[in-house]
Amino acid sequence: MSQNDSRVIGFFAFASRNEVVCTEGAACIIAGSKESMVEYLKETDPANIKKHTIKKTRFGEIMQGLQYGAAYAFDEESYNCFYPLAREEGLDVQQADFQKQKLEGGRFFTVKILES
C-alpha cells in the first residue's frame, strides 16, 4: 500500500453501482470539486441530477481502477492532484495542456494504462 493511497484526488458520480458518470469515450469523470461535478451533471443529465450520488475518490482507488483497465477523465483541478502522485508511483503519465484542451472544446484529460 502506497502512502498516497488515501489522498483525495477529486469526486466521481454514480446513479447505481453500474452507472458511473463517464465521458462519451467511456472514461469515468473525476472532478476537482463537488461543485464542478454538479456542473458537469447539469450539462450532461439535468433531468436526472438528483439520482446521482457524488463521492470523494482517492488515489488508491484510481490506481486500482487503472490496473483493472478503467479509464479516468480528469478535469484540471483533479489532474493537478493526480499527476505528481502518479509520477511518484512510476506511472508514465503526461503533463496535460488544459489550455489547449479548452481551445479545442475539451475539458478533460484521460488516463488509461495501455496493454503492451
PDB file of N, CA and C in Angstrom:
ATOM      1  N   MET A   1       0.846  -1.187   0.000  1.00  0.00           N
ATOM      2  CA  MET A   1       0.000   0.000   0.000  1.00  0.00           C
ATOM      3  C   MET A   1       0.885   1.242   0.000  1.00  0.00           C
ATOM      4  N   SER A   2       0.598   2.156  -0.887  1.00  0.00           N
ATOM      5  CA  SER A   2       1.349   3.395  -1.018  1.00  0.00           C
ATOM      6  C   SER A   2       0.912   4.401   0.050  1.00  0.00           C
ATOM      7  N   GLN A   3       1.829   5.248   0.448  1.00  0.00           N
ATOM      8  CA  GLN A   3       1.480   6.292   1.415  1.00  0.00           C
ATOM      9  C   GLN A   3       0.505   7.295   0.816  1.00  0.00           C
ATOM     10  N   ASN A   4       0.376   7.304  -0.487  1.00  0.00           N
ATOM     11  CA  ASN A   4      -0.522   8.242  -1.166  1.00  0.00           C
ATOM     12  C   ASN A   4      -1.920   7.691  -1.405  1.00  0.00           C
ATOM     13  N   ASP A   5      -2.145   6.419  -1.102  1.00  0.00           N
ATOM     14  CA  ASP A   5      -3.418   5.777  -1.423  1.00  0.00           C
ATOM     15  C   ASP A   5      -4.631   6.504  -0.850  1.00  0.00           C
ATOM     16  N   SER A   6      -4.503   7.107   0.303  1.00  0.00           N
ATOM     17  CA  SER A   6      -5.649   7.755   0.940  1.00  0.00           C
ATOM     18  C   SER A   6      -5.823   9.221   0.544  1.00  0.00           C
ATOM     19  N   ARG A   7      -4.945   9.738  -0.290  1.00  0.00           N
ATOM     20  CA  ARG A   7      -5.046  11.137  -0.708  1.00  0.00           C
ATOM     21  C   ARG A   7      -6.244  11.325  -1.639  1.00  0.00           C
ATOM     22  N   VAL A   8      -7.063  12.313  -1.340  1.00  0.00           N
ATOM     23  CA  VAL A   8      -8.243  12.606  -2.161  1.00  0.00           C
ATOM     24  C   VAL A   8      -7.797  13.306  -3.438  1.00  0.00           C
ATOM     25  N   ILE A   9      -8.243  12.770  -4.557  1.00  0.00           N
ATOM     26  CA  ILE A   9      -7.913  13.333  -5.872  1.00  0.00           C
ATOM     27  C   ILE A   9      -9.056  14.185  -6.390  1.00  0.00           C
ATOM     28  N   GLY A  10     -10.276  13.796  -6.117  1.00  0.00           N
ATOM     29  CA  GLY A  10     -11.436  14.543  -6.622  1.00  0.00           C
ATOM     30  C   GLY A  10     -12.715  13.815  -6.280  1.00  0.00           C
ATOM     31  N   PHE A  11     -13.711  13.992  -7.147  1.00  0.00           N
ATOM     32  CA  PHE A  11     -15.044  13.446  -6.921  1.00  0.00           C
ATOM     33  C   PHE A  11     -15.529  12.739  -8.172  1.00  0.00           C
ATOM     34  N   PHE A  12     -16.271  11.655  -7.966  1.00  0.00           N
ATOM     35  CA  PHE A  12     -16.936  10.970  -9.073  1.00  0.00           C
ATOM     36  C   PHE A  12     -18.419  10.878  -8.732  1.00  0.00           C
ATOM     37  N   ALA A  13     -19.232  10.559  -9.720  1.00  0.00           N
ATOM     38  CA  ALA A  13     -20.674  10.480  -9.505  1.00  0.00           C
ATOM     39  C   ALA A  13     -21.207   9.187 -10.103  1.00  0.00           C
ATOM     40  N   PHE A  14     -22.265   8.674  -9.463  1.00  0.00           N
ATOM     41  CA  PHE A  14     -22.885   7.459  -9.960  1.00  0.00           C
ATOM     42  C   PHE A  14     -24.366   7.467  -9.617  1.00  0.00           C
ATOM     43  N   ALA A  15     -25.142   6.805 -10.463  1.00  0.00           N
ATOM     44  CA  ALA A  15     -26.578   6.651 -10.223  1.00  0.00           C
ATOM     45  C   ALA A  15     -26.850   5.282  -9.608  1.00  0.00           C
ATOM     46  N   SER A  16     -26.005   4.308  -9.952  1.00  0.00           N
ATOM     47  CA  SER A  16     -26.069   2.969  -9.370  1.00  0.00           C
ATOM     48  C   SER A  16     -24.670   2.385  -9.470  1.00  0.00           C
ATOM     49  N   ARG A  17     -24.487   1.206  -8.949  1.00  0.00           N
ATOM     50  CA  ARG A  17     -23.167   0.563  -8.981  1.00  0.00           C
ATOM     51  C   ARG A  17     -22.628   0.417 -10.403  1.00  0.00           C
ATOM     52  N   ASN A  18     -23.535   0.219 -11.353  1.00  0.00           N
ATOM     53  CA  ASN A  18     -23.136   0.025 -12.750  1.00  0.00           C
ATOM     54  C   ASN A  18     -23.300   1.270 -13.607  1.00  0.00           C
ATOM     55  N   GLU A  19     -23.743   2.370 -13.021  1.00  0.00           N
ATOM     56  CA  GLU A  19     -23.980   3.612 -13.765  1.00  0.00           C
ATOM     57  C   GLU A  19     -23.129   4.738 -13.218  1.00  0.00           C
ATOM     58  N   VAL A  20     -21.844   4.745 -13.612  1.00  0.00           N
ATOM     59  CA  VAL A  20     -20.913   5.791 -13.209  1.00  0.00           C
ATOM     60  C   VAL A  20     -20.923   6.857 -14.294  1.00  0.00           C
ATOM     61  N   VAL A  21     -20.800   8.124 -13.899  1.00  0.00           N
ATOM     62  CA  VAL A  21     -20.803   9.219 -14.868  1.00  0.00           C
ATOM     63  C   VAL A  21     -19.488   9.191 -15.641  1.00  0.00           C
ATOM     64  N   CYS A  22     -19.608   9.034 -16.955  1.00  0.00           N
ATOM     65  CA  CYS A  22     -18.443   8.908 -17.827  1.00  0.00           C
ATOM     66  C   CYS A  22     -18.537   9.861 -19.002  1.00  0.00           C
ATOM     67  N   THR A  23     -17.409  10.026 -19.677  1.00  0.00           N
ATOM     68  CA  THR A  23     -17.386  10.777 -20.923  1.00  0.00           C
ATOM     69  C   THR A  23     -17.933   9.883 -22.027  1.00  0.00           C
ATOM     70  N   GLU A  24     -18.111  10.439 -23.201  1.00  0.00           N
ATOM     71  CA  GLU A  24     -18.562   9.638 -24.337  1.00  0.00           C
ATOM     72  C   GLU A  24     -17.559   8.541 -24.673  1.00  0.00           C
ATOM     73  N   GLY A  25     -16.302   8.773 -24.329  1.00  0.00           N
ATOM     74  CA  GLY A  25     -15.258   7.778 -24.573  1.00  0.00           C
ATOM     75  C   GLY A  25     -15.154   6.740 -23.465  1.00  0.00           C
ATOM     76  N   ALA A  26     -16.148   6.693 -22.587  1.00  0.00           N
ATOM     77  CA  ALA A  26     -16.251   5.697 -21.518  1.00  0.00           C
ATOM     78  C   ALA A  26     -15.155   5.813 -20.462  1.00  0.00           C
ATOM     79  N   ALA A  27     -14.737   7.034 -20.182  1.00  0.00           N
ATOM     80  CA  ALA A  27     -13.792   7.276 -19.094  1.00  0.00           C
ATOM     81  C   ALA A  27     -14.552   7.898 -17.930  1.00  0.00           C
ATOM     82  N   CYS A  28     -14.346   7.370 -16.748  1.00  0.00           N
ATOM     83  CA  CYS A  28     -15.007   7.869 -15.544  1.00  0.00           C
ATOM     84  C   CYS A  28     -14.534   9.295 -15.259  1.00  0.00           C
ATOM     85  N   ILE A  29     -15.462  10.215 -15.120  1.00  0.00           N
ATOM     86  CA  ILE A  29     -15.116  11.615 -14.869  1.00  0.00           C
ATOM     87  C   ILE A  29     -14.707  11.795 -13.413  1.00  0.00           C
ATOM     88  N   ILE A  30     -13.563  12.455 -13.231  1.00  0.00           N
ATOM     89  CA  ILE A  30     -13.082  12.833 -11.909  1.00  0.00           C
ATOM     90  C   ILE A  30     -13.021  14.356 -11.891  1.00  0.00           C
ATOM     91  N   ALA A  31     -13.862  14.945 -11.046  1.00  0.00           N
ATOM     92  CA  ALA A  31     -13.924  16.400 -10.927  1.00  0.00           C
ATOM     93  C   ALA A  31     -13.125  16.835  -9.700  1.00  0.00           C
ATOM     94  N   GLY A  32     -12.543  18.007  -9.786  1.00  0.00           N
ATOM     95  CA  GLY A  32     -11.730  18.518  -8.697  1.00  0.00           C
ATOM     96  C   GLY A  32     -12.515  18.958  -7.483  1.00  0.00           C
ATOM     97  N   SER A  33     -13.792  19.197  -7.651  1.00  0.00           N
ATOM     98  CA  SER A  33     -14.632  19.611  -6.529  1.00  0.00           C
ATOM     99  C   SER A  33     -16.043  19.052  -6.718  1.00  0.00           C
ATOM    100  N   LYS A  34     -16.764  19.007  -5.629  1.00  0.00           N
ATOM    101  CA  LYS A  34     -18.151  18.547  -5.689  1.00  0.00           C
ATOM    102  C   LYS A  34     -18.973  19.491  -6.572  1.00  0.00           C
ATOM    103  N   GLU A  35     -18.689  20.783  -6.445  1.00  0.00           N
ATOM    104  CA  GLU A  35     -19.404  21.788  -7.237  1.00  0.00           C
ATOM    105  C   GLU A  35     -19.163  21.594  -8.731  1.00  0.00           C
ATOM    106  N   SER A  36     -17.933  21.271  -9.103  1.00  0.00           N
ATOM    107  CA  SER A  36     -17.622  21.024 -10.517  1.00  0.00           C
ATOM    108  C   SER A  36     -18.386  19.813 -11.036  1.00  0.00           C
ATOM    109  N   MET A  37     -18.476  18.776 -10.212  1.00  0.00           N
ATOM    110  CA  MET A  37     -19.220  17.589 -10.634  1.00  0.00           C
ATOM    111  C   MET A  37     -20.690  17.921 -10.827  1.00  0.00           C
ATOM    112  N   VAL A  38     -21.251  18.720  -9.940  1.00  0.00           N
ATOM    113  CA  VAL A  38     -22.652  19.139 -10.091  1.00  0.00           C
ATOM    114  C   VAL A  38     -22.833  19.876 -11.412  1.00  0.00           C
ATOM    115  N   GLU A  39     -21.897  20.737 -11.762  1.00  0.00           N
ATOM    116  CA  GLU A  39     -21.974  21.467 -13.037  1.00  0.00           C
ATOM    117  C   GLU A  39     -21.919  20.509 -14.226  1.00  0.00           C
ATOM    118  N   TYR A  40     -21.039  19.509 -14.183  1.00  0.00           N
ATOM    119  CA  TYR A  40     -20.959  18.523 -15.268  1.00  0.00           C
ATOM    120  C   TYR A  40     -22.274  17.762 -15.396  1.00  0.00           C
ATOM    121  N   LEU A  41     -22.856  17.399 -14.256  1.00  0.00           N
ATOM    122  CA  LEU A  41     -24.138  16.683 -14.275  1.00  0.00           C
ATOM    123  C   LEU A  41     -25.248  17.554 -14.847  1.00  0.00           C
ATOM    124  N   LYS A  42     -25.239  18.829 -14.512  1.00  0.00           N
ATOM    125  CA  LYS A  42     -26.248  19.746 -15.059  1.00  0.00           C
ATOM    126  C   LYS A  42     -26.148  19.818 -16.579  1.00  0.00           C
ATOM    127  N   GLU A  43     -24.937  19.749 -17.087  1.00  0.00           N
ATOM    128  CA  GLU A  43     -24.726  19.812 -18.537  1.00  0.00           C
ATOM    129  C   GLU A  43     -25.102  18.509 -19.235  1.00  0.00           C
ATOM    130  N   THR A  44     -24.784  17.382 -18.603  1.00  0.00           N
ATOM    131  CA  THR A  44     -24.932  16.104 -19.292  1.00  0.00           C
ATOM    132  C   THR A  44     -26.231  15.368 -19.005  1.00  0.00           C
ATOM    133  N   ASP A  45     -26.809  15.569 -17.828  1.00  0.00           N
ATOM    134  CA  ASP A  45     -28.007  14.814 -17.450  1.00  0.00           C
ATOM    135  C   ASP A  45     -28.874  15.611 -16.476  1.00  0.00           C
ATOM    136  N   PRO A  46     -29.312  16.798 -16.890  1.00  0.00           N
ATOM    137  CA  PRO A  46     -30.025  17.683 -15.956  1.00  0.00           C
ATOM    138  C   PRO A  46     -31.318  17.084 -15.401  1.00  0.00           C
ATOM    139  N   ALA A  47     -31.994  16.262 -16.148  1.00  0.00           N
ATOM    140  CA  ALA A  47     -33.265  15.699 -15.690  1.00  0.00           C
ATOM    141  C   ALA A  47     -33.078  14.677 -14.566  1.00  0.00           C
ATOM    142  N   ASN A  48     -31.897  14.075 -14.512  1.00  0.00           N
ATOM    143  CA  ASN A  48     -31.657  13.010 -13.530  1.00  0.00           C
ATOM    144  C   ASN A  48     -30.604  13.372 -12.487  1.00  0.00           C
ATOM    145  N   ILE A  49     -30.309  14.634 -12.339  1.00  0.00           N
ATOM    146  CA  ILE A  49     -29.225  15.046 -11.442  1.00  0.00           C
ATOM    147  C   ILE A  49     -29.429  14.563 -10.009  1.00  0.00           C
ATOM    148  N   LYS A  50     -30.653  14.522  -9.543  1.00  0.00           N
ATOM    149  CA  LYS A  50     -30.924  14.106  -8.165  1.00  0.00           C
ATOM    150  C   LYS A  50     -30.732  12.605  -7.948  1.00  0.00           C
ATOM    151  N   LYS A  51     -30.670  11.840  -9.027  1.00  0.00           N
ATOM    152  CA  LYS A  51     -30.452  10.394  -8.921  1.00  0.00           C
ATOM    153  C   LYS A  51     -28.994  10.056  -8.626  1.00  0.00           C
ATOM    154  N   HIS A  52     -28.098  10.994  -8.842  1.00  0.00           N
ATOM    155  CA  HIS A  52     -26.676  10.713  -8.716  1.00  0.00           C
ATOM    156  C   HIS A  52     -26.152  10.974  -7.306  1.00  0.00           C
ATOM    157  N   THR A  53     -25.245  10.114  -6.900  1.00  0.00           N
ATOM    158  CA  THR A  53     -24.502  10.286  -5.659  1.00  0.00           C
ATOM    159  C   THR A  53     -23.107  10.758  -6.036  1.00  0.00           C
ATOM    160  N   ILE A  54     -22.610  11.762  -5.336  1.00  0.00           N
ATOM    161  CA  ILE A  54     -21.266  12.279  -5.583  1.00  0.00           C
ATOM    162  C   ILE A  54     -20.408  11.912  -4.381  1.00  0.00           C
ATOM    163  N   LYS A  55     -19.279  11.265  -4.666  1.00  0.00           N
ATOM    164  CA  LYS A  55     -18.382  10.808  -3.593  1.00  0.00           C
ATOM    165  C   LYS A  55     -16.945  11.195  -3.890  1.00  0.00           C
ATOM    166  N   LYS A  56     -16.164  11.330  -2.827  1.00  0.00           N
ATOM    167  CA  LYS A  56     -14.729  11.533  -2.971  1.00  0.00           C
ATOM    168  C   LYS A  56     -14.107  10.279  -3.559  1.00  0.00           C
ATOM    169  N   THR A  57     -13.046  10.471  -4.323  1.00  0.00           N
ATOM    170  CA  THR A  57     -12.270   9.328  -4.789  1.00  0.00           C
ATOM    171  C   THR A  57     -10.811   9.562  -4.429  1.00  0.00           C
ATOM    172  N   ARG A  58     -10.167   8.524  -4.033  1.00  0.00           N
ATOM    173  CA  ARG A  58      -8.800   8.605  -3.530  1.00  0.00           C
ATOM    174  C   ARG A  58      -7.818   8.001  -4.534  1.00  0.00           C
ATOM    175  N   PHE A  59      -6.574   8.383  -4.376  1.00  0.00           N
ATOM    176  CA  PHE A  59      -5.523   7.936  -5.284  1.00  0.00           C
ATOM    177  C   PHE A  59      -5.480   6.416  -5.398  1.00  0.00           C
ATOM    178  N   GLY A  60      -5.556   5.713  -4.275  1.00  0.00           N
ATOM    179  CA  GLY A  60      -5.502   4.250  -4.294  1.00  0.00           C
ATOM    180  C   GLY A  60      -6.640   3.636  -5.083  1.00  0.00           C
ATOM    181  N   GLU A  61      -7.820   4.229  -4.995  1.00  0.00           N
ATOM    182  CA  GLU A  61      -8.981   3.718  -5.745  1.00  0.00           C
ATOM    183  C   GLU A  61      -8.767   3.899  -7.247  1.00  0.00           C
ATOM    184  N   ILE A  62      -8.226   5.040  -7.615  1.00  0.00           N
ATOM    185  CA  ILE A  62      -7.967   5.299  -9.037  1.00  0.00           C
ATOM    186  C   ILE A  62      -6.884   4.354  -9.556  1.00  0.00           C
ATOM    187  N   MET A  63      -5.821   4.180  -8.782  1.00  0.00           N
ATOM    188  CA  MET A  63      -4.747   3.267  -9.201  1.00  0.00           C
ATOM    189  C   MET A  63      -5.275   1.846  -9.369  1.00  0.00           C
ATOM    190  N   GLN A  64      -6.127   1.413  -8.459  1.00  0.00           N
ATOM    191  CA  GLN A  64      -6.707   0.080  -8.565  1.00  0.00           C
ATOM    192  C   GLN A  64      -7.564  -0.022  -9.828  1.00  0.00           C
ATOM    193  N   GLY A  65      -8.376   0.995 -10.096  1.00  0.00           N
ATOM    194  CA  GLY A  65      -9.194   1.001 -11.306  1.00  0.00           C
ATOM    195  C   GLY A  65      -8.352   0.959 -12.564  1.00  0.00           C
ATOM    196  N   LEU A  66      -7.256   1.732 -12.582  1.00  0.00           N
ATOM    197  CA  LEU A  66      -6.358   1.720 -13.738  1.00  0.00           C
ATOM    198  C   LEU A  66      -5.775   0.328 -13.960  1.00  0.00           C
ATOM    199  N   GLN A  67      -5.416  -0.338 -12.883  1.00  0.00           N
ATOM    200  CA  GLN A  67      -4.851  -1.681 -13.006  1.00  0.00           C
ATOM    201  C   GLN A  67      -5.862  -2.675 -13.559  1.00  0.00           C
ATOM    202  N   TYR A  68      -7.148  -2.412 -13.331  1.00  0.00           N
ATOM    203  CA  TYR A  68      -8.205  -3.278 -13.870  1.00  0.00           C
ATOM    204  C   TYR A  68      -8.657  -2.859 -15.266  1.00  0.00           C
ATOM    205  N   GLY A  69      -8.002  -1.841 -15.838  1.00  0.00           N
ATOM    206  CA  GLY A  69      -8.308  -1.436 -17.199  1.00  0.00           C
ATOM    207  C   GLY A  69      -9.249  -0.254 -17.342  1.00  0.00           C
ATOM    208  N   ALA A  70      -9.627   0.376 -16.241  1.00  0.00           N
ATOM    209  CA  ALA A  70     -10.516   1.539 -16.312  1.00  0.00           C
ATOM    210  C   ALA A  70      -9.774   2.744 -16.871  1.00  0.00           C
ATOM    211  N   ALA A  71     -10.546   3.662 -17.420  1.00  0.00           N
ATOM    212  CA  ALA A  71     -10.009   4.941 -17.892  1.00  0.00           C
ATOM    213  C   ALA A  71     -10.650   6.047 -17.062  1.00  0.00           C
ATOM    214  N   TYR A  72      -9.872   7.086 -16.790  1.00  0.00           N
ATOM    215  CA  TYR A  72     -10.356   8.214 -15.994  1.00  0.00           C
ATOM    216  C   TYR A  72     -10.151   9.510 -16.757  1.00  0.00           C
ATOM    217  N   ALA A  73     -11.193  10.338 -16.760  1.00  0.00           N
ATOM    218  CA  ALA A  73     -11.150  11.641 -17.412  1.00  0.00           C
ATOM    219  C   ALA A  73     -11.096  12.695 -16.311  1.00  0.00           C
ATOM    220  N   PHE A  74      -9.937  13.293 -16.131  1.00  0.00           N
ATOM    221  CA  PHE A  74      -9.708  14.274 -15.082  1.00  0.00           C
ATOM    222  C   PHE A  74      -9.961  15.690 -15.590  1.00  0.00           C
ATOM    223  N   ASP A  75     -10.577  16.517 -14.750  1.00  0.00           N
ATOM    224  CA  ASP A  75     -10.594  17.940 -15.068  1.00  0.00           C
ATOM    225  C   ASP A  75      -9.267  18.519 -14.572  1.00  0.00           C
ATOM    226  N   GLU A  76      -9.037  19.786 -14.802  1.00  0.00           N
ATOM    227  CA  GLU A  76      -7.739  20.378 -14.492  1.00  0.00           C
ATOM    228  C   GLU A  76      -7.398  20.290 -13.000  1.00  0.00           C
ATOM    229  N   GLU A  77      -8.337  20.601 -12.155  1.00  0.00           N
ATOM    230  CA  GLU A  77      -8.081  20.593 -10.715  1.00  0.00           C
ATOM    231  C   GLU A  77      -7.728  19.192 -10.209  1.00  0.00           C
ATOM    232  N   SER A  78      -8.478  18.195 -10.636  1.00  0.00           N
ATOM    233  CA  SER A  78      -8.204  16.830 -10.174  1.00  0.00           C
ATOM    234  C   SER A  78      -6.902  16.289 -10.763  1.00  0.00           C
ATOM    235  N   TYR A  79      -6.608  16.637 -12.016  1.00  0.00           N
ATOM    236  CA  TYR A  79      -5.364  16.143 -12.617  1.00  0.00           C
ATOM    237  C   TYR A  79      -4.149  16.751 -11.935  1.00  0.00           C
ATOM    238  N   ASN A  80      -4.274  17.988 -11.499  1.00  0.00           N
ATOM    239  CA  ASN A  80      -3.175  18.620 -10.770  1.00  0.00           C
ATOM    240  C   ASN A  80      -2.887  17.893  -9.453  1.00  0.00           C
ATOM    241  N   CYS A  81      -3.879  17.240  -8.893  1.00  0.00           N
ATOM    242  CA  CYS A  81      -3.679  16.413  -7.683  1.00  0.00           C
ATOM    243  C   CYS A  81      -3.124  15.040  -8.045  1.00  0.00           C
ATOM    244  N   PHE A  82      -3.645  14.460  -9.128  1.00  0.00           N
ATOM    245  CA  PHE A  82      -3.273  13.106  -9.529  1.00  0.00           C
ATOM    246  C   PHE A  82      -1.860  13.020 -10.104  1.00  0.00           C
ATOM    247  N   TYR A  83      -1.507  13.934 -10.981  1.00  0.00           N
ATOM    248  CA  TYR A  83      -0.270  13.862 -11.764  1.00  0.00           C
ATOM    249  C   TYR A  83       0.992  13.643 -10.924  1.00  0.00           C
ATOM    250  N   PRO A  84       1.267  14.483  -9.912  1.00  0.00           N
ATOM    251  CA  PRO A  84       2.524  14.279  -9.181  1.00  0.00           C
ATOM    252  C   PRO A  84       2.562  12.947  -8.418  1.00  0.00           C
ATOM    253  N   LEU A  85       1.428  12.502  -7.932  1.00  0.00           N
ATOM    254  CA  LEU A  85       1.378  11.229  -7.211  1.00  0.00           C
ATOM    255  C   LEU A  85       1.600  10.062  -8.169  1.00  0.00           C
ATOM    256  N   ALA A  86       0.998  10.148  -9.349  1.00  0.00           N
ATOM    257  CA  ALA A  86       1.168   9.091 -10.356  1.00  0.00           C
ATOM    258  C   ALA A  86       2.626   8.994 -10.790  1.00  0.00           C
ATOM    259  N   ARG A  87       3.263  10.129 -10.995  1.00  0.00           N
ATOM    260  CA  ARG A  87       4.682  10.138 -11.375  1.00  0.00           C
ATOM    261  C   ARG A  87       5.533   9.526 -10.259  1.00  0.00           C
ATOM    262  N   GLU A  88       5.194   9.882  -9.032  1.00  0.00           N
ATOM    263  CA  GLU A  88       5.912   9.343  -7.876  1.00  0.00           C
ATOM    264  C   GLU A  88       5.792   7.821  -7.803  1.00  0.00           C
ATOM    265  N   GLU A  89       4.645   7.297  -8.242  1.00  0.00           N
ATOM    266  CA  GLU A  89       4.408   5.842  -8.247  1.00  0.00           C
ATOM    267  C   GLU A  89       5.010   5.155  -9.471  1.00  0.00           C
ATOM    268  N   GLY A  90       5.597   5.942 -10.376  1.00  0.00           N
ATOM    269  CA  GLY A  90       6.261   5.355 -11.534  1.00  0.00           C
ATOM    270  C   GLY A  90       5.403   5.254 -12.783  1.00  0.00           C
ATOM    271  N   LEU A  91       4.205   5.827 -12.768  1.00  0.00           N
ATOM    272  CA  LEU A  91       3.373   5.813 -13.986  1.00  0.00           C
ATOM    273  C   LEU A  91       3.921   6.814 -14.997  1.00  0.00           C
ATOM    274  N   ASP A  92       3.947   6.425 -16.237  1.00  0.00           N
ATOM    275  CA  ASP A  92       4.435   7.293 -17.309  1.00  0.00           C
ATOM    276  C   ASP A  92       3.274   8.148 -17.838  1.00  0.00           C
ATOM    277  N   VAL A  93       2.771   9.013 -16.971  1.00  0.00           N
ATOM    278  CA  VAL A  93       1.676   9.900 -17.373  1.00  0.00           C
ATOM    279  C   VAL A  93       2.245  11.205 -17.898  1.00  0.00           C
ATOM    280  N   GLN A  94       1.504  11.812 -18.799  1.00  0.00           N
ATOM    281  CA  GLN A  94       1.942  13.047 -19.442  1.00  0.00           C
ATOM    282  C   GLN A  94       1.402  14.264 -18.709  1.00  0.00           C
ATOM    283  N   GLN A  95       2.112  15.371 -18.851  1.00  0.00           N
ATOM    284  CA  GLN A  95       1.559  16.625 -18.372  1.00  0.00           C
ATOM    285  C   GLN A  95       0.426  16.990 -19.307  1.00  0.00           C
ATOM    286  N   ALA A  96      -0.635  17.513 -18.746  1.00  0.00           N
ATOM    287  CA  ALA A  96      -1.802  17.864 -19.561  1.00  0.00           C
ATOM    288  C   ALA A  96      -1.750  19.345 -19.937  1.00  0.00           C
ATOM    289  N   ASP A  97      -2.195  19.632 -21.141  1.00  0.00           N
ATOM    290  CA  ASP A  97      -2.290  21.022 -21.600  1.00  0.00           C
ATOM    291  C   ASP A  97      -3.772  21.394 -21.627  1.00  0.00           C
ATOM    292  N   PHE A  98      -4.267  21.840 -20.490  1.00  0.00           N
ATOM    293  CA  PHE A  98      -5.691  22.152 -20.381  1.00  0.00           C
ATOM    294  C   PHE A  98      -6.077  23.406 -21.165  1.00  0.00           C
ATOM    295  N   GLN A  99      -5.138  24.307 -21.365  1.00  0.00           N
ATOM    296  CA  GLN A  99      -5.450  25.489 -22.176  1.00  0.00           C
ATOM    297  C   GLN A  99      -5.737  25.073 -23.619  1.00  0.00           C
ATOM    298  N   LYS A 100      -4.931  24.164 -24.131  1.00  0.00           N
ATOM    299  CA  LYS A 100      -5.142  23.640 -25.480  1.00  0.00           C
ATOM    300  C   LYS A 100      -6.470  22.883 -25.541  1.00  0.00           C
ATOM    301  N   GLN A 101      -6.742  22.073 -24.510  1.00  0.00           N
ATOM    302  CA  GLN A 101      -7.999  21.330 -24.444  1.00  0.00           C
ATOM    303  C   GLN A 101      -9.186  22.282 -24.555  1.00  0.00           C
ATOM    304  N   LYS A 102      -9.140  23.369 -23.781  1.00  0.00           N
ATOM    305  CA  LYS A 102     -10.246  24.337 -23.771  1.00  0.00           C
ATOM    306  C   LYS A 102     -10.428  24.977 -25.142  1.00  0.00           C
ATOM    307  N   LEU A 103      -9.324  25.291 -25.808  1.00  0.00           N
ATOM    308  CA  LEU A 103      -9.403  25.888 -27.143  1.00  0.00           C
ATOM    309  C   LEU A 103     -10.035  24.930 -28.147  1.00  0.00           C
ATOM    310  N   GLU A 104      -9.836  23.637 -27.926  1.00  0.00           N
ATOM    311  CA  GLU A 104     -10.385  22.612 -28.822  1.00  0.00           C
ATOM    312  C   GLU A 104     -11.754  22.121 -28.365  1.00  0.00           C
ATOM    313  N   GLY A 105     -12.303  22.761 -27.327  1.00  0.00           N
ATOM    314  CA  GLY A 105     -13.632  22.406 -26.858  1.00  0.00           C
ATOM    315  C   GLY A 105     -13.678  21.287 -25.839  1.00  0.00           C
ATOM    316  N   GLY A 106     -12.525  20.862 -25.362  1.00  0.00           N
ATOM    317  CA  GLY A 106     -12.477  19.792 -24.374  1.00  0.00           C
ATOM    318  C   GLY A 106     -12.173  20.336 -22.988  1.00  0.00           C
ATOM    319  N   ARG A 107     -12.386  19.507 -22.002  1.00  0.00           N
ATOM    320  CA  ARG A 107     -12.065  19.937 -20.643  1.00  0.00           C
ATOM    321  C   ARG A 107     -11.423  18.846 -19.818  1.00  0.00           C
ATOM    322  N   PHE A 108     -11.344  17.632 -20.368  1.00  0.00           N
ATOM    323  CA  PHE A 108     -10.808  16.514 -19.607  1.00  0.00           C
ATOM    324  C   PHE A 108      -9.527  15.972 -20.229  1.00  0.00           C
ATOM    325  N   PHE A 109      -8.710  15.383 -19.371  1.00  0.00           N
ATOM    326  CA  PHE A 109      -7.509  14.687 -19.800  1.00  0.00           C
ATOM    327  C   PHE A 109      -7.673  13.243 -19.348  1.00  0.00           C
ATOM    328  N   THR A 110      -7.656  12.330 -20.300  1.00  0.00           N
ATOM    329  CA  THR A 110      -7.949  10.922 -19.998  1.00  0.00           C
ATOM    330  C   THR A 110      -6.670  10.130 -19.780  1.00  0.00           C
ATOM    331  N   VAL A 111      -6.714   9.293 -18.736  1.00  0.00           N
ATOM    332  CA  VAL A 111      -5.591   8.414 -18.398  1.00  0.00           C
ATOM    333  C   VAL A 111      -6.097   6.983 -18.398  1.00  0.00           C
ATOM    334  N   LYS A 112      -5.348   6.115 -19.057  1.00  0.00           N
ATOM    335  CA  LYS A 112      -5.634   4.690 -19.083  1.00  0.00           C
ATOM    336  C   LYS A 112      -4.309   3.969 -19.280  1.00  0.00           C
ATOM    337  N   ILE A 113      -4.135   2.870 -18.597  1.00  0.00           N
ATOM    338  CA  ILE A 113      -2.917   2.083 -18.781  1.00  0.00           C
ATOM    339  C   ILE A 113      -3.098   1.244 -20.030  1.00  0.00           C
ATOM    340  N   LEU A 114      -2.175   1.415 -20.957  1.00  0.00           N
ATOM    341  CA  LEU A 114      -2.237   0.663 -22.213  1.00  0.00           C
ATOM    342  C   LEU A 114      -1.536  -0.666 -22.053  1.00  0.00           C
ATOM    343  N   GLU A 115      -2.130  -1.684 -22.624  1.00  0.00           N
ATOM    344  CA  GLU A 115      -1.510  -3.017 -22.603  1.00  0.00           C
ATOM    345  C   GLU A 115      -0.367  -3.043 -23.583  1.00  0.00           C
ATOM    346  N   SER A 116       0.713  -3.708 -23.168  1.00  0.00           N
ATOM    347  CA  SER A 116       1.877  -3.779 -24.075  1.00  0.00           C
ATOM    348  C   SER A 116       1.943  -5.118 -24.767  1.00  0.00           C
TER     349      SER A 116
END
